[in-house]
N, C-alpha and C. Protein backbone atom coordinates (compact mmCIF):
# COMPACT_ATOMS: atom_id res chain seq x y z
N MET A 1 -14.88 135.68 -57.94
CA MET A 1 -15.78 136.68 -58.50
C MET A 1 -15.10 137.41 -59.91
N TYR A 2 -16.19 137.41 -60.54
CA TYR A 2 -16.02 138.12 -62.09
C TYR A 2 -16.12 139.75 -62.29
N ARG A 3 -15.43 140.36 -62.32
CA ARG A 3 -15.51 141.74 -62.52
C ARG A 3 -15.89 141.96 -64.07
N ILE A 4 -16.83 143.03 -64.53
CA ILE A 4 -17.27 143.39 -65.60
C ILE A 4 -15.84 145.05 -66.13
N ASN A 5 -15.45 144.30 -67.03
CA ASN A 5 -14.81 145.13 -67.87
C ASN A 5 -14.86 145.54 -69.14
N VAL A 6 -15.03 147.17 -69.15
CA VAL A 6 -15.41 148.07 -70.64
C VAL A 6 -13.95 148.03 -71.34
N THR A 7 -14.10 148.27 -72.36
CA THR A 7 -13.39 147.65 -73.63
C THR A 7 -13.58 148.48 -74.36
N LEU A 8 -13.97 150.39 -73.95
CA LEU A 8 -13.97 151.04 -75.08
C LEU A 8 -12.65 151.43 -76.00
N GLU A 9 -12.02 151.62 -75.57
CA GLU A 9 -10.63 152.03 -75.90
C GLU A 9 -10.12 151.13 -76.92
N ASN A 10 -10.42 149.93 -77.34
CA ASN A 10 -10.19 148.88 -77.89
C ASN A 10 -11.42 149.03 -79.01
N ALA A 11 -12.51 149.20 -79.09
CA ALA A 11 -13.66 149.33 -79.91
C ALA A 11 -13.23 150.99 -80.37
N MET A 12 -12.57 152.02 -79.83
CA MET A 12 -12.46 153.00 -80.50
C MET A 12 -11.53 152.85 -81.39
N LYS A 13 -10.74 152.02 -81.37
CA LYS A 13 -9.00 151.82 -81.55
C LYS A 13 -9.23 150.78 -82.92
N SER A 14 -10.15 150.03 -83.04
CA SER A 14 -10.45 149.03 -83.90
C SER A 14 -11.35 149.83 -85.18
N ARG A 15 -11.73 151.17 -84.74
CA ARG A 15 -12.59 152.12 -85.82
C ARG A 15 -11.86 152.80 -86.22
N GLY A 16 -10.97 153.32 -85.66
CA GLY A 16 -9.42 154.49 -85.98
C GLY A 16 -10.09 155.65 -85.18
N ILE A 17 -10.79 155.52 -84.75
CA ILE A 17 -11.07 156.54 -83.04
C ILE A 17 -9.97 156.49 -81.91
N LYS A 18 -9.19 157.69 -82.26
CA LYS A 18 -7.80 157.99 -81.63
C LYS A 18 -8.40 158.58 -79.97
N THR A 19 -8.84 159.58 -80.10
CA THR A 19 -9.38 160.52 -78.70
C THR A 19 -10.99 160.20 -78.63
N GLN A 20 -10.94 160.45 -77.38
CA GLN A 20 -12.21 160.57 -76.95
C GLN A 20 -13.23 161.95 -76.98
N LYS A 21 -12.14 162.68 -77.05
CA LYS A 21 -13.29 164.16 -77.88
C LYS A 21 -13.30 163.89 -79.65
N GLU A 22 -12.84 162.66 -80.38
CA GLU A 22 -13.17 162.36 -81.52
C GLU A 22 -14.78 161.54 -81.37
N LEU A 23 -14.72 160.84 -80.49
CA LEU A 23 -15.84 159.69 -80.20
C LEU A 23 -16.86 160.50 -79.56
N LEU A 24 -16.98 161.89 -78.54
CA LEU A 24 -17.95 162.90 -78.30
C LEU A 24 -18.61 163.11 -79.82
N ALA A 25 -17.68 163.94 -80.52
CA ALA A 25 -17.80 164.20 -82.16
C ALA A 25 -18.69 163.27 -82.48
N LEU A 26 -18.51 161.90 -82.43
CA LEU A 26 -19.15 160.80 -83.19
C LEU A 26 -20.46 160.73 -82.91
N VAL A 27 -20.42 160.66 -81.82
CA VAL A 27 -21.60 160.15 -80.71
C VAL A 27 -22.89 161.11 -81.10
N LYS A 28 -22.50 162.50 -81.09
CA LYS A 28 -23.25 163.92 -81.46
C LYS A 28 -23.65 163.91 -83.04
N GLU A 29 -22.52 163.49 -83.95
CA GLU A 29 -23.05 163.29 -85.19
C GLU A 29 -23.87 162.40 -85.37
N LYS A 30 -24.04 160.77 -85.11
CA LYS A 30 -24.77 159.95 -85.19
C LYS A 30 -25.65 159.43 -84.26
N THR A 31 -25.80 160.31 -83.06
CA THR A 31 -27.09 159.88 -82.06
C THR A 31 -27.74 161.46 -81.86
N GLY A 32 -27.06 161.96 -81.97
CA GLY A 32 -27.60 163.72 -81.70
C GLY A 32 -27.60 163.61 -80.10
N GLU A 33 -26.94 162.78 -79.67
CA GLU A 33 -26.95 162.62 -78.10
C GLU A 33 -25.43 163.45 -77.89
N SER A 34 -25.85 164.10 -76.63
CA SER A 34 -24.23 164.81 -76.09
C SER A 34 -23.95 164.12 -74.38
N LEU A 35 -22.85 163.71 -74.55
CA LEU A 35 -22.16 162.75 -73.33
C LEU A 35 -21.36 163.86 -72.68
N ARG A 36 -21.20 163.39 -71.06
CA ARG A 36 -20.25 164.49 -70.84
C ARG A 36 -18.92 163.75 -70.91
N ALA A 37 -17.94 164.78 -71.08
CA ALA A 37 -16.46 164.36 -71.43
C ALA A 37 -15.77 163.21 -70.17
N ALA A 38 -16.28 163.57 -68.98
CA ALA A 38 -16.31 163.14 -67.79
C ALA A 38 -16.72 161.55 -67.63
N THR A 39 -18.11 161.78 -68.30
CA THR A 39 -18.65 160.29 -68.47
C THR A 39 -18.16 159.33 -69.47
N VAL A 40 -17.72 160.05 -70.73
CA VAL A 40 -16.69 158.85 -71.21
C VAL A 40 -15.45 158.95 -70.62
N SER A 41 -14.92 159.47 -70.58
CA SER A 41 -13.41 159.72 -69.92
C SER A 41 -13.65 158.18 -68.20
N ASP A 42 -14.63 158.09 -67.77
CA ASP A 42 -14.77 157.36 -66.48
C ASP A 42 -15.05 155.92 -67.32
N ILE A 43 -15.67 155.65 -68.09
CA ILE A 43 -16.48 154.39 -68.94
C ILE A 43 -14.79 154.33 -69.43
N TYR A 44 -14.44 154.98 -70.28
CA TYR A 44 -13.04 154.84 -71.28
C TYR A 44 -11.80 154.27 -69.99
N HIS A 45 -11.75 154.98 -68.94
CA HIS A 45 -10.40 153.92 -68.49
C HIS A 45 -11.10 153.49 -66.83
N ASN A 46 -12.34 153.01 -66.97
CA ASN A 46 -13.09 151.79 -66.32
C ASN A 46 -13.26 151.78 -64.61
N LYS A 47 -13.53 153.31 -65.02
CA LYS A 47 -13.39 153.92 -63.24
C LYS A 47 -14.54 154.35 -63.04
N SER A 48 -15.67 154.18 -63.31
CA SER A 48 -17.09 153.99 -62.81
C SER A 48 -17.20 152.66 -61.55
N THR A 49 -17.17 153.16 -60.32
CA THR A 49 -17.48 152.54 -59.21
C THR A 49 -18.79 151.92 -59.15
N ASN A 50 -20.04 152.74 -59.95
CA ASN A 50 -21.31 152.43 -60.00
C ASN A 50 -21.41 151.63 -61.24
N LEU A 51 -22.87 150.74 -60.96
CA LEU A 51 -23.19 150.85 -62.62
C LEU A 51 -23.02 151.47 -63.71
N ILE A 52 -22.74 151.53 -65.10
CA ILE A 52 -22.40 152.53 -65.78
C ILE A 52 -24.22 151.98 -66.17
N ASN A 53 -24.50 153.32 -66.48
CA ASN A 53 -25.78 153.58 -67.42
C ASN A 53 -25.51 152.94 -68.56
N ARG A 54 -26.65 152.52 -68.48
CA ARG A 54 -27.10 151.45 -69.81
C ARG A 54 -27.34 152.41 -70.76
N LYS A 55 -27.82 153.43 -70.91
CA LYS A 55 -28.25 154.13 -71.94
C LYS A 55 -26.92 155.16 -72.64
N TYR A 56 -25.81 154.87 -71.57
CA TYR A 56 -24.94 155.83 -72.40
C TYR A 56 -23.76 154.81 -73.16
N LEU A 57 -24.02 153.36 -72.78
CA LEU A 57 -23.72 152.31 -73.40
C LEU A 57 -24.36 152.12 -74.38
N GLU A 58 -25.75 151.78 -74.74
CA GLU A 58 -26.22 152.25 -76.10
C GLU A 58 -25.90 153.25 -76.96
N ILE A 59 -26.04 154.72 -76.52
CA ILE A 59 -25.26 155.93 -77.52
C ILE A 59 -24.28 155.69 -78.02
N ILE A 60 -23.13 154.66 -77.12
CA ILE A 60 -21.63 154.68 -77.36
C ILE A 60 -21.80 153.68 -78.78
N ALA A 61 -22.38 152.41 -78.17
CA ALA A 61 -22.36 151.29 -79.15
C ALA A 61 -23.18 151.92 -80.40
N THR A 62 -24.13 152.52 -80.28
CA THR A 62 -24.80 153.11 -81.82
C THR A 62 -23.81 153.89 -82.75
N ALA A 63 -23.00 154.95 -81.80
CA ALA A 63 -22.39 155.32 -82.56
C ALA A 63 -21.23 154.70 -83.33
N LEU A 64 -20.57 153.91 -82.62
CA LEU A 64 -19.27 152.84 -82.82
C LEU A 64 -20.04 151.86 -83.64
N GLU A 65 -21.37 151.30 -84.25
CA GLU A 65 -22.17 150.51 -84.70
C GLU A 65 -21.62 149.54 -84.76
N ILE A 66 -21.77 149.10 -83.03
CA ILE A 66 -21.11 147.91 -82.46
C ILE A 66 -22.39 147.17 -82.16
N LYS A 67 -22.08 146.07 -82.90
CA LYS A 67 -23.64 144.95 -83.30
C LYS A 67 -23.36 143.80 -81.91
N ASN A 68 -22.13 143.41 -81.47
CA ASN A 68 -21.73 142.53 -80.01
C ASN A 68 -21.23 143.20 -79.10
N LEU A 69 -21.73 143.39 -78.17
CA LEU A 69 -21.62 143.30 -76.57
C LEU A 69 -20.02 143.06 -76.46
N ASP A 70 -19.79 142.06 -77.09
CA ASP A 70 -18.80 141.47 -76.43
C ASP A 70 -17.26 142.19 -77.00
N GLU A 71 -17.72 143.03 -78.08
CA GLU A 71 -16.60 144.29 -78.22
C GLU A 71 -16.45 145.73 -77.48
N LEU A 72 -17.63 145.71 -76.15
CA LEU A 72 -17.38 146.64 -75.47
C LEU A 72 -17.55 146.52 -73.89
N ILE A 73 -18.18 144.95 -73.84
CA ILE A 73 -17.63 144.59 -72.43
C ILE A 73 -17.53 143.19 -72.54
N LYS A 74 -16.37 142.65 -71.57
CA LYS A 74 -15.61 141.61 -71.19
C LYS A 74 -15.81 141.41 -69.63
N LEU A 75 -16.20 140.04 -68.95
CA LEU A 75 -16.13 139.31 -67.37
C LEU A 75 -14.62 139.23 -67.63
N GLU A 76 -14.12 139.86 -67.13
CA GLU A 76 -13.05 138.68 -66.29
C GLU A 76 -12.57 138.80 -64.97
N ALA A 77 -12.01 137.18 -64.65
CA ALA A 77 -12.39 136.78 -63.41
C ALA A 77 -11.14 137.65 -62.25
N SER A 78 -12.14 137.90 -61.20
CA SER A 78 -10.95 138.92 -60.16
C SER A 78 -9.49 138.13 -59.74
N GLU A 79 -8.85 138.48 -59.07
CA GLU A 79 -7.85 137.79 -58.09
C GLU A 79 -8.19 137.08 -57.42
N THR A 80 -9.30 137.50 -56.89
CA THR A 80 -9.98 136.55 -55.54
C THR A 80 -10.08 135.06 -56.65
N LEU A 81 -10.97 135.34 -57.21
CA LEU A 81 -11.37 134.01 -58.15
C LEU A 81 -9.98 133.01 -58.49
N ILE A 82 -9.35 133.79 -59.08
CA ILE A 82 -8.16 132.77 -59.67
C ILE A 82 -7.03 132.93 -58.43
N SER A 83 -6.90 133.04 -57.28
CA SER A 83 -6.56 132.74 -56.50
C SER A 83 -6.96 131.44 -55.70
N ASN A 84 -7.97 131.76 -55.75
CA ASN A 84 -8.63 130.72 -54.79
C ASN A 84 -8.82 129.73 -56.14
N GLU A 85 -8.77 129.33 -57.05
CA GLU A 85 -8.72 128.76 -58.05
C GLU A 85 -7.38 127.15 -57.94
N ASN A 86 -6.36 128.20 -57.34
CA ASN A 86 -5.04 127.47 -57.54
C ASN A 86 -5.09 126.68 -55.90
């Protein structure tokens, strides 16, 4: 089985954004939207156990000017899949 891995940290770093607080400010500036700090933290740390709200990803992608979702989301093989292949 594959696991969805959000790579927000990498997308931020490649754009010189060092903190989640900076990202929140950028989101507000570029989109006029406000995201909760806890929401960004969950996305940043891949802690969301439910599906991540698509609108949140769209807002973040807009603020970071991400044109390719590969910069923000990766599919990774889970340990179960890796061990079954061996």
